Amino acid sequence: MPQNKSKSSITYKDSGVDIDAGNKLVEKIKPHAKSTFRKEVLSGLGGFGSMFEMPKHINNPVLVSGTDGVGTKLKLAFELNKHDTIGQDLVAMCVNDIIVQGAEPLFFLDYFACGKLNTEITEKVIKGISDGCKLANCSLVGGETAEMPGMYKGNEYDLAGFCVGAVDKKKIIDGTNVNEGDILLGISSSGAHSNGYSLIRKIIIENKANLNSNFENKTLGEVLMMPTKIYTKSILELLKTEKINAMAHITGGGLEENIPRVIPNNFKAVVNIDSWEMPYLFKWIKSEANLNNQELFKTFNCGIGMVLIVKEEIKDKVITSLRKSKEVVFEIGKITKKDLNDKQIQIS
């Protein structure tokens, strides 16, 4: 169809999508991504697909994949104009999920969507993702930056992450070996991680809490934006010498819902909440929202970001290994037989 010369031309940039800005962003983030590359990466950024060679040290590999986001913690990032750590949250939510099955994270991809591309903010987010990938020893091999005018307000954006790992088929951790008398070990969290922020934000709004107010020698905003801890290196080091019966990443649903996911139906986990000192943040949340313990423990990690279930005879070795990796570990409970009408978890 011939061009109508009586009409002015409307370009893609006029509609709100700046391809040149997107191309400039790719060039800015290439060094961040390249800094995460393991030796198995066979291609760089910019292609239609990313190639990754299966590691030689994993026998009979089974691929394990996971995907997640960071929820409404993003709203605090926007309000505080703090974008440098939210990428670590994104990586953590994905890699911590696959490590519980014994999988070593191999590579990661991200999806970044915005209304109008702000290259300064986007680069900070992607650098945070690359920082998280380095902590997890996985490669940031690609992603998608989607500029969608009218979908997001101002400099707001959304994030999703995708991780692929591998585990030797003989070393898959699936909870089938959990038995009566096993011990529950809890590894400390770095804060609320990336769960429960809709409730946290409601507390802030209804109580007119000041994000810049003093909160345990930091500001409330700084405490709430603490990046999610990545557990992969310490757990992979542990798995070199010890056999773990099950692991649970304590995310949405808290201890109340995540521990039962890895326990056979005929057992229950008995958790003693006095076995660790709950961080002040969660005491503050409980008080400000007037929550009972059940609601608190099915919403937040309450200071325990990862739970390991191990045979009693190896618990000391497991604790020693984790502490060598600078983790703070607590013995928080045990596995018992479940009566017919019992829940699979008892928190008291």
C-alpha atoms as a PDB file:
ATOM      1  CA  MET A   1       0.000   0.000   0.000  1.00  0.00           C
ATOM      2  CA  PRO A   2       1.489   3.393  -0.952  1.00  0.00           C
ATOM      3  CA  GLN A   3       2.311   5.901   1.766  1.00  0.00           C
ATOM      4  CA  ASN A   4      -0.350   8.548   2.379  1.00  0.00           C
ATOM      5  CA  LYS A   5       1.680  11.749   2.050  1.00  0.00           C
ATOM      6  CA  SER A   6      -1.093  13.835   3.624  1.00  0.00           C
ATOM      7  CA  LYS A   7      -0.547  12.096   6.976  1.00  0.00           C
ATOM      8  CA  SER A   8       2.449  12.615   9.230  1.00  0.00           C
ATOM      9  CA  SER A   9       4.537   9.533   9.931  1.00  0.00           C
ATOM     10  CA  ILE A  10       4.113   7.815  13.320  1.00  0.00           C
ATOM     11  CA  THR A  11       7.188   5.848  14.335  1.00  0.00           C
ATOM     12  CA  TYR A  12       7.567   3.111  16.961  1.00  0.00           C
ATOM     13  CA  LYS A  13       9.420   5.665  19.107  1.00  0.00           C
ATOM     14  CA  ASP A  14       6.445   8.038  18.807  1.00  0.00           C
ATOM     15  CA  SER A  15       4.253   5.271  20.274  1.00  0.00           C
ATOM     16  CA  GLY A  16       6.521   5.074  23.307  1.00  0.00           C
ATOM     17  CA  VAL A  17       8.963   2.274  22.405  1.00  0.00           C
ATOM     18  CA  ASP A  18      12.588   3.356  21.975  1.00  0.00           C
ATOM     19  CA  ILE A  19      14.511   0.574  20.213  1.00  0.00           C
ATOM     20  CA  ASP A  20      17.747   2.574  20.269  1.00  0.00           C
ATOM     21  CA  ALA A  21      17.529   2.956  24.065  1.00  0.00           C
ATOM     22  CA  GLY A  22      16.975  -0.788  24.326  1.00  0.00           C
ATOM     23  CA  ASN A  23      20.048  -1.497  22.231  1.00  0.00           C
ATOM     24  CA  LYS A  24      22.140   0.864  24.359  1.00  0.00           C
ATOM     25  CA  LEU A  25      20.924  -0.917  27.486  1.00  0.00           C
ATOM     26  CA  VAL A  26      22.029  -4.295  26.107  1.00  0.00           C
ATOM     27  CA  GLU A  27      25.534  -2.925  25.588  1.00  0.00           C
ATOM     28  CA  LYS A  28      25.558  -1.569  29.171  1.00  0.00           C
ATOM     29  CA  ILE A  29      24.476  -4.832  30.768  1.00  0.00           C
ATOM     30  CA  LYS A  30      26.693  -7.169  28.716  1.00  0.00           C
ATOM     31  CA  PRO A  31      29.679  -6.766  31.118  1.00  0.00           C
ATOM     32  CA  HIS A  32      27.434  -7.524  34.118  1.00  0.00           C
ATOM     33  CA  ALA A  33      26.148 -10.694  32.484  1.00  0.00           C
ATOM     34  CA  LYS A  34      29.580 -11.781  31.262  1.00  0.00           C
ATOM     35  CA  SER A  35      30.958 -11.487  34.810  1.00  0.00           C
ATOM     36  CA  THR A  36      28.614 -14.337  35.824  1.00  0.00           C
ATOM     37  CA  PHE A  37      29.575 -16.766  33.056  1.00  0.00           C
ATOM     38  CA  ARG A  38      30.622 -20.245  34.040  1.00  0.00           C
ATOM     39  CA  LYS A  39      32.871 -22.192  31.679  1.00  0.00           C
ATOM     40  CA  GLU A  40      29.844 -24.088  30.349  1.00  0.00           C
ATOM     41  CA  VAL A  41      28.347 -20.979  28.687  1.00  0.00           C
ATOM     42  CA  LEU A  42      28.733 -21.325  24.911  1.00  0.00           C
ATOM     43  CA  SER A  43      27.141 -18.069  23.747  1.00  0.00           C
ATOM     44  CA  GLY A  44      26.946 -14.439  24.788  1.00  0.00           C
ATOM     45  CA  LEU A  45      24.033 -12.004  25.043  1.00  0.00           C
ATOM     46  CA  GLY A  46      22.273 -10.871  21.904  1.00  0.00           C
ATOM     47  CA  GLY A  47      21.417 -14.144  20.177  1.00  0.00           C
ATOM     48  CA  PHE A  48      17.991 -15.684  19.816  1.00  0.00           C
ATOM     49  CA  GLY A  49      18.816 -18.399  22.350  1.00  0.00           C
ATOM     50  CA  SER A  50      21.476 -19.142  24.929  1.00  0.00           C
ATOM     51  CA  MET A  51      23.598 -22.277  24.863  1.00  0.00           C
ATOM     52  CA  PHE A  52      24.921 -24.001  27.963  1.00  0.00           C
ATOM     53  CA  GLU A  53      26.923 -27.208  28.046  1.00  0.00           C
ATOM     54  CA  MET A  54      26.001 -29.753  30.726  1.00  0.00           C
ATOM     55  CA  PRO A  55      28.672 -29.760  33.484  1.00  0.00           C
ATOM     56  CA  LYS A  56      30.978 -32.769  33.387  1.00  0.00           C
ATOM     57  CA  HIS A  57      31.010 -33.230  37.176  1.00  0.00           C
ATOM     58  CA  ILE A  58      27.305 -34.113  37.407  1.00  0.00           C
ATOM     59  CA  ASN A  59      26.688 -37.786  36.633  1.00  0.00           C
ATOM     60  CA  ASN A  60      23.332 -38.796  35.117  1.00  0.00           C
ATOM     61  CA  PRO A  61      22.036 -35.206  35.356  1.00  0.00           C
ATOM     62  CA  VAL A  62      18.379 -34.383  35.918  1.00  0.00           C
ATOM     63  CA  LEU A  63      17.373 -30.815  35.066  1.00  0.00           C
ATOM     64  CA  VAL A  64      15.492 -28.873  37.753  1.00  0.00           C
ATOM     65  CA  SER A  65      13.832 -25.565  36.882  1.00  0.00           C
ATOM     66  CA  GLY A  66      12.140 -22.789  38.798  1.00  0.00           C
ATOM     67  CA  THR A  67      10.542 -19.421  38.198  1.00  0.00           C
ATOM     68  CA  ASP A  68       9.444 -16.633  40.537  1.00  0.00           C
ATOM     69  CA  GLY A  69       9.170 -12.892  41.066  1.00  0.00           C
ATOM     70  CA  VAL A  70       9.623 -10.555  44.024  1.00  0.00           C
ATOM     71  CA  GLY A  71       6.002  -9.516  44.547  1.00  0.00           C
ATOM     72  CA  THR A  72       5.049  -6.180  46.038  1.00  0.00           C
ATOM     73  CA  LYS A  73       8.488  -5.628  47.518  1.00  0.00           C
ATOM     74  CA  LEU A  74       8.879  -3.803  44.215  1.00  0.00           C
ATOM     75  CA  LYS A  75       6.500  -1.124  45.492  1.00  0.00           C
ATOM     76  CA  LEU A  76       8.955  -0.290  48.271  1.00  0.00           C
ATOM     77  CA  ALA A  77      11.795  -0.194  45.754  1.00  0.00           C
ATOM     78  CA  PHE A  78       9.841   2.405  43.771  1.00  0.00           C
ATOM     79  CA  GLU A  79       8.978   4.447  46.850  1.00  0.00           C
ATOM     80  CA  LEU A  80      12.549   4.435  48.158  1.00  0.00           C
ATOM     81  CA  ASN A  81      14.087   4.730  44.673  1.00  0.00           C
ATOM     82  CA  LYS A  82      16.309   1.777  45.567  1.00  0.00           C
ATOM     83  CA  HIS A  83      16.872  -0.605  42.670  1.00  0.00           C
ATOM     84  CA  ASP A  84      20.338  -2.090  43.258  1.00  0.00           C
ATOM     85  CA  THR A  85      19.359  -5.117  45.405  1.00  0.00           C
ATOM     86  CA  ILE A  86      15.952  -6.160  44.076  1.00  0.00           C
ATOM     87  CA  GLY A  87      17.753  -8.227  41.434  1.00  0.00           C
ATOM     88  CA  GLN A  88      19.382 -10.355  44.150  1.00  0.00           C
ATOM     89  CA  ASP A  89      15.904 -10.955  45.560  1.00  0.00           C
ATOM     90  CA  LEU A  90      14.808 -12.226  42.165  1.00  0.00           C
ATOM     91  CA  VAL A  91      17.706 -14.661  41.825  1.00  0.00           C
ATOM     92  CA  ALA A  92      17.363 -15.850  45.418  1.00  0.00           C
ATOM     93  CA  MET A  93      13.687 -16.698  45.071  1.00  0.00           C
ATOM     94  CA  CYS A  94      14.489 -18.988  42.152  1.00  0.00           C
ATOM     95  CA  VAL A  95      17.796 -20.614  43.109  1.00  0.00           C
ATOM     96  CA  ASN A  96      16.749 -21.264  46.714  1.00  0.00           C
ATOM     97  CA  ASP A  97      13.756 -23.194  45.375  1.00  0.00           C
ATOM     98  CA  ILE A  98      15.789 -25.586  43.251  1.00  0.00           C
ATOM     99  CA  ILE A  99      18.593 -26.140  45.773  1.00  0.00           C
ATOM    100  CA  VAL A 100      16.116 -27.885  48.090  1.00  0.00           C
ATOM    101  CA  GLN A 101      16.068 -30.793  45.640  1.00  0.00           C
ATOM    102  CA  GLY A 102      19.845 -30.906  45.635  1.00  0.00           C
ATOM    103  CA  ALA A 103      20.167 -29.126  42.295  1.00  0.00           C
ATOM    104  CA  GLU A 104      23.155 -26.956  41.477  1.00  0.00           C
ATOM    105  CA  PRO A 105      21.947 -23.752  39.752  1.00  0.00           C
ATOM    106  CA  LEU A 106      23.475 -23.518  36.268  1.00  0.00           C
ATOM    107  CA  PHE A 107      21.954 -20.569  34.444  1.00  0.00           C
ATOM    108  CA  PHE A 108      19.412 -17.802  34.921  1.00  0.00           C
ATOM    109  CA  LEU A 109      17.222 -15.640  32.692  1.00  0.00           C
ATOM    110  CA  ASP A 110      15.221 -12.553  33.598  1.00  0.00           C
ATOM    111  CA  TYR A 111      12.163 -10.740  32.305  1.00  0.00           C
ATOM    112  CA  PHE A 112      12.014  -6.970  32.883  1.00  0.00           C
ATOM    113  CA  ALA A 113       8.863  -5.126  31.844  1.00  0.00           C
ATOM    114  CA  CYS A 114       8.268  -1.371  32.038  1.00  0.00           C
ATOM    115  CA  GLY A 115       6.155   1.389  30.540  1.00  0.00           C
ATOM    116  CA  LYS A 116       9.099   3.535  29.446  1.00  0.00           C
ATOM    117  CA  LEU A 117      12.681   2.367  29.596  1.00  0.00           C
ATOM    118  CA  ASN A 118      14.846   4.190  32.121  1.00  0.00           C
ATOM    119  CA  THR A 119      18.289   2.808  31.337  1.00  0.00           C
ATOM    120  CA  GLU A 120      19.822   4.009  34.621  1.00  0.00           C
ATOM    121  CA  ILE A 121      17.256   2.173  36.753  1.00  0.00           C
ATOM    122  CA  THR A 122      17.231  -0.895  34.523  1.00  0.00           C
ATOM    123  CA  GLU A 123      21.014  -1.237  34.620  1.00  0.00           C
ATOM    124  CA  LYS A 124      20.923  -1.122  38.445  1.00  0.00           C
ATOM    125  CA  VAL A 125      18.330  -3.900  38.477  1.00  0.00           C
ATOM    126  CA  ILE A 126      20.285  -6.066  36.029  1.00  0.00           C
ATOM    127  CA  LYS A 127      23.519  -5.509  37.940  1.00  0.00           C
ATOM    128  CA  GLY A 128      21.684  -6.701  41.075  1.00  0.00           C
ATOM    129  CA  ILE A 129      20.640  -9.816  39.171  1.00  0.00           C
ATOM    130  CA  SER A 130      24.243 -10.433  38.109  1.00  0.00           C
ATOM    131  CA  ASP A 131      25.399  -9.935  41.720  1.00  0.00           C
ATOM    132  CA  GLY A 132      22.866 -12.541  42.811  1.00  0.00           C
ATOM    133  CA  CYS A 133      23.967 -14.933  40.095  1.00  0.00           C
ATOM    134  CA  LYS A 134      27.574 -14.656  41.274  1.00  0.00           C
ATOM    135  CA  LEU A 135      26.494 -15.450  44.836  1.00  0.00           C
ATOM    136  CA  ALA A 136      24.687 -18.523  43.483  1.00  0.00           C
ATOM    137  CA  ASN A 137      27.471 -19.436  41.014  1.00  0.00           C
ATOM    138  CA  CYS A 138      25.044 -19.504  38.097  1.00  0.00           C
ATOM    139  CA  SER A 139      25.296 -17.712  34.771  1.00  0.00           C
ATOM    140  CA  LEU A 140      23.046 -14.882  33.637  1.00  0.00           C
ATOM    141  CA  VAL A 141      22.755 -16.030  30.022  1.00  0.00           C
ATOM    142  CA  GLY A 142      19.909 -13.909  28.719  1.00  0.00           C
ATOM    143  CA  GLY A 143      16.617 -12.184  29.312  1.00  0.00           C
ATOM    144  CA  GLU A 144      13.923  -9.970  27.899  1.00  0.00           C
ATOM    145  CA  THR A 145      13.420  -6.237  28.354  1.00  0.00           C
ATOM    146  CA  ALA A 146       9.866  -5.326  27.370  1.00  0.00           C
ATOM    147  CA  GLU A 147       8.911  -1.677  26.948  1.00  0.00           C
ATOM    148  CA  MET A 148       5.103  -1.477  27.017  1.00  0.00           C
ATOM    149  CA  PRO A 149       3.683   2.065  27.045  1.00  0.00           C
ATOM    150  CA  GLY A 150       0.506   2.406  29.086  1.00  0.00           C
ATOM    151  CA  MET A 151       1.027  -0.780  31.098  1.00  0.00           C
ATOM    152  CA  TYR A 152       3.060   0.722  33.972  1.00  0.00           C
ATOM    153  CA  LYS A 153       3.103   4.126  35.654  1.00  0.00           C
ATOM    154  CA  GLY A 154       6.177   6.371  35.485  1.00  0.00           C
ATOM    155  CA  ASN A 155       9.355   4.426  36.270  1.00  0.00           C
ATOM    156  CA  GLU A 156       7.525   1.376  37.638  1.00  0.00           C
ATOM    157  CA  TYR A 157       8.483  -2.062  36.324  1.00  0.00           C
ATOM    158  CA  ASP A 158       7.898  -5.751  36.940  1.00  0.00           C
ATOM    159  CA  LEU A 159      10.337  -8.622  37.199  1.00  0.00           C
ATOM    160  CA  ALA A 160      10.316 -12.374  36.710  1.00  0.00           C
ATOM    161  CA  GLY A 161      13.209 -14.809  36.918  1.00  0.00           C
ATOM    162  CA  PHE A 162      13.849 -18.279  35.533  1.00  0.00           C
ATOM    163  CA  CYS A 163      16.528 -20.667  36.761  1.00  0.00           C
ATOM    164  CA  VAL A 164      17.711 -24.060  35.520  1.00  0.00           C
ATOM    165  CA  GLY A 165      19.902 -26.376  37.575  1.00  0.00           C
ATOM    166  CA  ALA A 166      20.960 -30.007  37.577  1.00  0.00           C
ATOM    167  CA  VAL A 167      21.334 -32.818  40.077  1.00  0.00           C
ATOM    168  CA  ASP A 168      22.682 -36.346  39.821  1.00  0.00           C
ATOM    169  CA  LYS A 169      19.600 -38.593  39.598  1.00  0.00           C
ATOM    170  CA  LYS A 170      20.909 -40.712  42.481  1.00  0.00           C
ATOM    171  CA  LYS A 171      21.264 -37.624  44.688  1.00  0.00           C
ATOM    172  CA  ILE A 172      17.815 -36.064  44.251  1.00  0.00           C
ATOM    173  CA  ILE A 173      16.392 -34.833  47.565  1.00  0.00           C
ATOM    174  CA  ASP A 174      12.636 -35.389  47.580  1.00  0.00           C
ATOM    175  CA  GLY A 175      11.664 -36.053  51.203  1.00  0.00           C
ATOM    176  CA  THR A 176      11.005 -39.782  50.777  1.00  0.00           C
ATOM    177  CA  ASN A 177      13.742 -40.623  53.321  1.00  0.00           C
ATOM    178  CA  VAL A 178      12.244 -38.450  56.079  1.00  0.00           C
ATOM    179  CA  ASN A 179      11.558 -40.588  59.146  1.00  0.00           C
ATOM    180  CA  GLU A 180      10.489 -40.394  62.767  1.00  0.00           C
ATOM    181  CA  GLY A 181      13.191 -38.877  64.961  1.00  0.00           C
ATOM    182  CA  ASP A 182      14.727 -36.734  62.224  1.00  0.00           C
ATOM    183  CA  ILE A 183      15.855 -33.278  63.333  1.00  0.00           C
ATOM    184  CA  LEU A 184      14.762 -29.947  61.867  1.00  0.00           C
ATOM    185  CA  LEU A 185      17.573 -27.418  61.457  1.00  0.00           C
ATOM    186  CA  GLY A 186      16.726 -23.826  60.589  1.00  0.00           C
ATOM    187  CA  ILE A 187      19.127 -21.473  58.807  1.00  0.00           C
ATOM    188  CA  SER A 188      18.614 -17.793  59.558  1.00  0.00           C
ATOM    189  CA  SER A 189      17.025 -15.434  57.062  1.00  0.00           C
ATOM    190  CA  SER A 190      18.224 -11.923  56.229  1.00  0.00           C
ATOM    191  CA  GLY A 191      14.822 -10.400  56.917  1.00  0.00           C
ATOM    192  CA  ALA A 192      11.394 -10.776  55.340  1.00  0.00           C
ATOM    193  CA  HIS A 193      13.109 -11.852  52.086  1.00  0.00           C
ATOM    194  CA  SER A 194      10.444 -11.342  49.359  1.00  0.00           C
ATOM    195  CA  ASN A 195       7.241 -12.508  51.019  1.00  0.00           C
ATOM    196  CA  GLY A 196       4.450 -10.861  52.958  1.00  0.00           C
ATOM    197  CA  TYR A 197       5.078  -7.379  51.593  1.00  0.00           C
ATOM    198  CA  SER A 198       1.427  -6.677  50.792  1.00  0.00           C
ATOM    199  CA  LEU A 199       0.731  -7.014  54.517  1.00  0.00           C
ATOM    200  CA  ILE A 200       3.850  -5.025  55.425  1.00  0.00           C
ATOM    201  CA  ARG A 201       2.816  -2.211  53.095  1.00  0.00           C
ATOM    202  CA  LYS A 202      -0.704  -2.205  54.564  1.00  0.00           C
ATOM    203  CA  ILE A 203       0.848  -1.819  58.037  1.00  0.00           C
ATOM    204  CA  ILE A 204       2.958   1.095  56.784  1.00  0.00           C
ATOM    205  CA  ILE A 205      -0.025   2.818  55.148  1.00  0.00           C
ATOM    206  CA  GLU A 206      -2.495   2.323  57.998  1.00  0.00           C
ATOM    207  CA  ASN A 207      -0.005   3.278  60.719  1.00  0.00           C
ATOM    208  CA  LYS A 208       1.568   6.061  58.660  1.00  0.00           C
ATOM    209  CA  ALA A 209       4.973   4.506  59.373  1.00  0.00           C
ATOM    210  CA  ASN A 210       7.962   6.522  58.185  1.00  0.00           C
ATOM    211  CA  LEU A 211      10.319   4.434  56.040  1.00  0.00           C
ATOM    212  CA  ASN A 212      13.169   6.759  57.048  1.00  0.00           C
ATOM    213  CA  SER A 213      12.562   6.335  60.787  1.00  0.00           C
ATOM    214  CA  ASN A 214      15.171   4.659  62.991  1.00  0.00           C
ATOM    215  CA  PHE A 215      14.746   0.899  63.185  1.00  0.00           C
ATOM    216  CA  GLU A 216      17.488  -1.123  64.947  1.00  0.00           C
ATOM    217  CA  ASN A 217      20.326   1.222  63.931  1.00  0.00           C
ATOM    218  CA  LYS A 218      19.055   1.322  60.347  1.00  0.00           C
ATOM    219  CA  THR A 219      16.011   2.892  58.798  1.00  0.00           C
ATOM    220  CA  LEU A 220      12.783   0.916  58.474  1.00  0.00           C
ATOM    221  CA  GLY A 221      13.177   1.128  54.705  1.00  0.00           C
ATOM    222  CA  GLU A 222      16.692  -0.329  54.832  1.00  0.00           C
ATOM    223  CA  VAL A 223      15.535  -3.241  56.988  1.00  0.00           C
ATOM    224  CA  LEU A 224      12.619  -4.001  54.679  1.00  0.00           C
ATOM    225  CA  MET A 225      14.814  -3.803  51.565  1.00  0.00           C
ATOM    226  CA  MET A 226      17.471  -6.204  52.859  1.00  0.00           C
ATOM    227  CA  PRO A 227      18.069  -8.589  49.945  1.00  0.00           C
ATOM    228  CA  THR A 228      16.973 -12.200  50.197  1.00  0.00           C
ATOM    229  CA  LYS A 229      19.751 -14.507  51.366  1.00  0.00           C
ATOM    230  CA  ILE A 230      21.086 -16.981  48.794  1.00  0.00           C
ATOM    231  CA  TYR A 231      21.821 -20.371  50.357  1.00  0.00           C
ATOM    232  CA  THR A 232      23.201 -22.316  47.403  1.00  0.00           C
ATOM    233  CA  LYS A 233      26.937 -22.220  48.109  1.00  0.00           C
ATOM    234  CA  SER A 234      26.672 -23.260  51.761  1.00  0.00           C
ATOM    235  CA  ILE A 235      24.227 -26.051  50.970  1.00  0.00           C
ATOM    236  CA  LEU A 236      26.178 -27.362  47.976  1.00  0.00           C
ATOM    237  CA  GLU A 237      29.287 -27.458  50.170  1.00  0.00           C
ATOM    238  CA  LEU A 238      27.317 -29.396  52.796  1.00  0.00           C
ATOM    239  CA  LEU A 239      26.016 -31.890  50.226  1.00  0.00           C
ATOM    240  CA  LYS A 240      29.558 -32.861  49.300  1.00  0.00           C
ATOM    241  CA  THR A 241      29.843 -34.794  52.585  1.00  0.00           C
ATOM    242  CA  GLU A 242      26.407 -35.183  54.176  1.00  0.00           C
ATOM    243  CA  LYS A 243      23.080 -36.675  53.081  1.00  0.00           C
ATOM    244  CA  ILE A 244      20.058 -34.466  53.745  1.00  0.00           C
ATOM    245  CA  ASN A 245      16.616 -36.094  53.890  1.00  0.00           C
ATOM    246  CA  ALA A 246      14.645 -32.994  52.934  1.00  0.00           C
ATOM    247  CA  MET A 247      14.857 -29.221  52.649  1.00  0.00           C
ATOM    248  CA  ALA A 248      12.223 -26.492  52.588  1.00  0.00           C
ATOM    249  CA  HIS A 249      12.700 -22.944  51.311  1.00  0.00           C
ATOM    250  CA  ILE A 250      10.559 -20.770  53.586  1.00  0.00           C
ATOM    251  CA  THR A 251       8.767 -18.434  51.198  1.00  0.00           C
ATOM    252  CA  GLY A 252       5.087 -17.483  50.850  1.00  0.00           C
ATOM    253  CA  GLY A 253       3.131 -19.534  53.372  1.00  0.00           C
ATOM    254  CA  GLY A 254       5.941 -19.325  55.914  1.00  0.00           C
ATOM    255  CA  LEU A 255       6.965 -22.248  58.113  1.00  0.00           C
ATOM    256  CA  GLU A 256       3.321 -23.281  58.466  1.00  0.00           C
ATOM    257  CA  GLU A 257       2.886 -24.239  54.821  1.00  0.00           C
ATOM    258  CA  ASN A 258       6.349 -24.876  53.381  1.00  0.00           C
ATOM    259  CA  ILE A 259       7.706 -27.547  55.756  1.00  0.00           C
ATOM    260  CA  PRO A 260       4.749 -29.936  55.158  1.00  0.00           C
ATOM    261  CA  ARG A 261       5.490 -29.824  51.410  1.00  0.00           C
ATOM    262  CA  VAL A 262       8.557 -32.048  51.919  1.00  0.00           C
ATOM    263  CA  ILE A 263       7.258 -34.462  54.585  1.00  0.00           C
ATOM    264  CA  PRO A 264       5.542 -37.819  53.855  1.00  0.00           C
ATOM    265  CA  ASN A 265       1.863 -37.843  54.839  1.00  0.00           C
ATOM    266  CA  ASN A 266       2.309 -40.177  57.822  1.00  0.00           C
ATOM    267  CA  PHE A 267       4.682 -37.789  59.647  1.00  0.00           C
ATOM    268  CA  LYS A 268       4.466 -34.306  61.102  1.00  0.00           C
ATOM    269  CA  ALA A 269       7.009 -31.625  61.973  1.00  0.00           C
ATOM    270  CA  VAL A 270       6.989 -30.365  65.550  1.00  0.00           C
ATOM    271  CA  VAL A 271       8.533 -26.870  65.637  1.00  0.00           C
ATOM    272  CA  ASN A 272       9.574 -25.127  68.851  1.00  0.00           C
ATOM    273  CA  ILE A 273       9.384 -21.362  68.316  1.00  0.00           C
ATOM    274  CA  ASP A 274      11.448 -20.754  71.457  1.00  0.00           C
ATOM    275  CA  SER A 275      14.465 -22.470  69.867  1.00  0.00           C
ATOM    276  CA  TRP A 276      15.570 -19.283  68.092  1.00  0.00           C
ATOM    277  CA  GLU A 277      15.311 -15.574  68.776  1.00  0.00           C
ATOM    278  CA  MET A 278      12.774 -14.116  66.384  1.00  0.00           C
ATOM    279  CA  PRO A 279      14.231 -10.959  64.789  1.00  0.00           C
ATOM    280  CA  TYR A 280      12.672  -7.691  65.934  1.00  0.00           C
ATOM    281  CA  LEU A 281      11.203  -7.035  62.465  1.00  0.00           C
ATOM    282  CA  PHE A 282       8.738  -9.903  62.881  1.00  0.00           C
ATOM    283  CA  LYS A 283       7.869  -8.905  66.438  1.00  0.00           C
ATOM    284  CA  TRP A 284       7.129  -5.422  65.086  1.00  0.00           C
ATOM    285  CA  ILE A 285       4.946  -6.868  62.312  1.00  0.00           C
ATOM    286  CA  LYS A 286       3.081  -9.081  64.797  1.00  0.00           C
ATOM    287  CA  SER A 287       2.412  -6.143  67.102  1.00  0.00           C
ATOM    288  CA  GLU A 288       1.511  -3.571  64.431  1.00  0.00           C
ATOM    289  CA  ALA A 289      -0.852  -5.957  62.605  1.00  0.00           C
ATOM    290  CA  ASN A 290      -2.141  -7.583  65.821  1.00  0.00           C
ATOM    291  CA  LEU A 291      -1.428 -11.067  64.423  1.00  0.00           C
ATOM    292  CA  ASN A 292      -1.682 -14.347  66.285  1.00  0.00           C
ATOM    293  CA  ASN A 293       1.171 -16.848  65.965  1.00  0.00           C
ATOM    294  CA  GLN A 294      -0.642 -18.997  63.403  1.00  0.00           C
ATOM    295  CA  GLU A 295      -1.168 -16.076  61.042  1.00  0.00           C
ATOM    296  CA  LEU A 296       2.389 -14.844  61.576  1.00  0.00           C
ATOM    297  CA  PHE A 297       3.989 -18.226  60.862  1.00  0.00           C
ATOM    298  CA  LYS A 298       1.925 -18.905  57.748  1.00  0.00           C
ATOM    299  CA  THR A 299       2.844 -15.533  56.238  1.00  0.00           C
ATOM    300  CA  PHE A 300       6.492 -14.839  57.157  1.00  0.00           C
ATOM    301  CA  ASN A 301       9.725 -16.779  57.568  1.00  0.00           C
ATOM    302  CA  CYS A 302      10.051 -15.302  61.097  1.00  0.00           C
ATOM    303  CA  GLY A 303      13.848 -15.471  60.949  1.00  0.00           C
ATOM    304  CA  ILE A 304      14.233 -18.938  59.376  1.00  0.00           C
ATOM    305  CA  GLY A 305      14.814 -18.844  55.623  1.00  0.00           C
ATOM    306  CA  MET A 306      15.675 -22.492  55.001  1.00  0.00           C
ATOM    307  CA  VAL A 307      14.857 -25.695  56.906  1.00  0.00           C
ATOM    308  CA  LEU A 308      16.892 -28.894  56.630  1.00  0.00           C
ATOM    309  CA  ILE A 309      15.616 -32.273  57.846  1.00  0.00           C
ATOM    310  CA  VAL A 310      18.441 -34.629  58.815  1.00  0.00           C
ATOM    311  CA  LYS A 311      19.043 -37.833  60.728  1.00  0.00           C
ATOM    312  CA  GLU A 312      19.818 -37.121  64.367  1.00  0.00           C
ATOM    313  CA  GLU A 313      23.199 -38.854  64.185  1.00  0.00           C
ATOM    314  CA  ILE A 314      24.553 -36.393  61.602  1.00  0.00           C
ATOM    315  CA  LYS A 315      23.021 -33.155  62.891  1.00  0.00           C
ATOM    316  CA  ASP A 316      26.257 -32.001  64.559  1.00  0.00           C
ATOM    317  CA  LYS A 317      28.233 -32.525  61.335  1.00  0.00           C
ATOM    318  CA  VAL A 318      25.614 -30.610  59.382  1.00  0.00           C
ATOM    319  CA  ILE A 319      25.646 -27.729  61.860  1.00  0.00           C
ATOM    320  CA  THR A 320      29.460 -27.606  61.783  1.00  0.00           C
ATOM    321  CA  SER A 321      29.534 -27.500  57.978  1.00  0.00           C
ATOM    322  CA  LEU A 322      26.935 -24.745  57.763  1.00  0.00           C
ATOM    323  CA  ARG A 323      28.672 -22.665  60.410  1.00  0.00           C
ATOM    324  CA  LYS A 324      31.940 -22.966  58.467  1.00  0.00           C
ATOM    325  CA  SER A 325      30.004 -21.394  55.601  1.00  0.00           C
ATOM    326  CA  LYS A 326      29.080 -18.509  57.960  1.00  0.00           C
ATOM    327  CA  GLU A 327      25.460 -19.582  58.354  1.00  0.00           C
ATOM    328  CA  VAL A 328      23.560 -19.125  61.618  1.00  0.00           C
ATOM    329  CA  VAL A 329      21.856 -22.437  62.427  1.00  0.00           C
ATOM    330  CA  PHE A 330      19.295 -23.491  65.024  1.00  0.00           C
ATOM    331  CA  GLU A 331      17.846 -26.867  65.980  1.00  0.00           C
ATOM    332  CA  ILE A 332      14.169 -25.959  65.740  1.00  0.00           C
ATOM    333  CA  GLY A 333      12.265 -29.226  66.034  1.00  0.00           C
ATOM    334  CA  LYS A 334      11.837 -32.865  65.078  1.00  0.00           C
ATOM    335  CA  ILE A 335       9.789 -35.277  62.992  1.00  0.00           C
ATOM    336  CA  THR A 336       7.197 -37.448  64.742  1.00  0.00           C
ATOM    337  CA  LYS A 337       4.487 -39.845  63.610  1.00  0.00           C
ATOM    338  CA  LYS A 338       1.195 -38.190  62.719  1.00  0.00           C
ATOM    339  CA  ASP A 339      -2.128 -39.283  64.125  1.00  0.00           C
ATOM    340  CA  LEU A 340      -5.070 -39.457  61.738  1.00  0.00           C
ATOM    341  CA  ASN A 341      -6.496 -36.034  62.599  1.00  0.00           C
ATOM    342  CA  ASP A 342      -3.172 -34.244  63.116  1.00  0.00           C
ATOM    343  CA  LYS A 343      -1.923 -31.480  60.853  1.00  0.00           C
ATOM    344  CA  GLN A 344       1.460 -32.085  59.243  1.00  0.00           C
ATOM    345  CA  ILE A 345       3.017 -29.330  61.302  1.00  0.00           C
ATOM    346  CA  GLN A 346       2.744 -28.328  64.923  1.00  0.00           C
ATOM    347  CA  ILE A 347       4.178 -24.929  65.827  1.00  0.00           C
ATOM    348  CA  SER A 348       4.221 -24.094  69.516  1.00  0.00           C
END
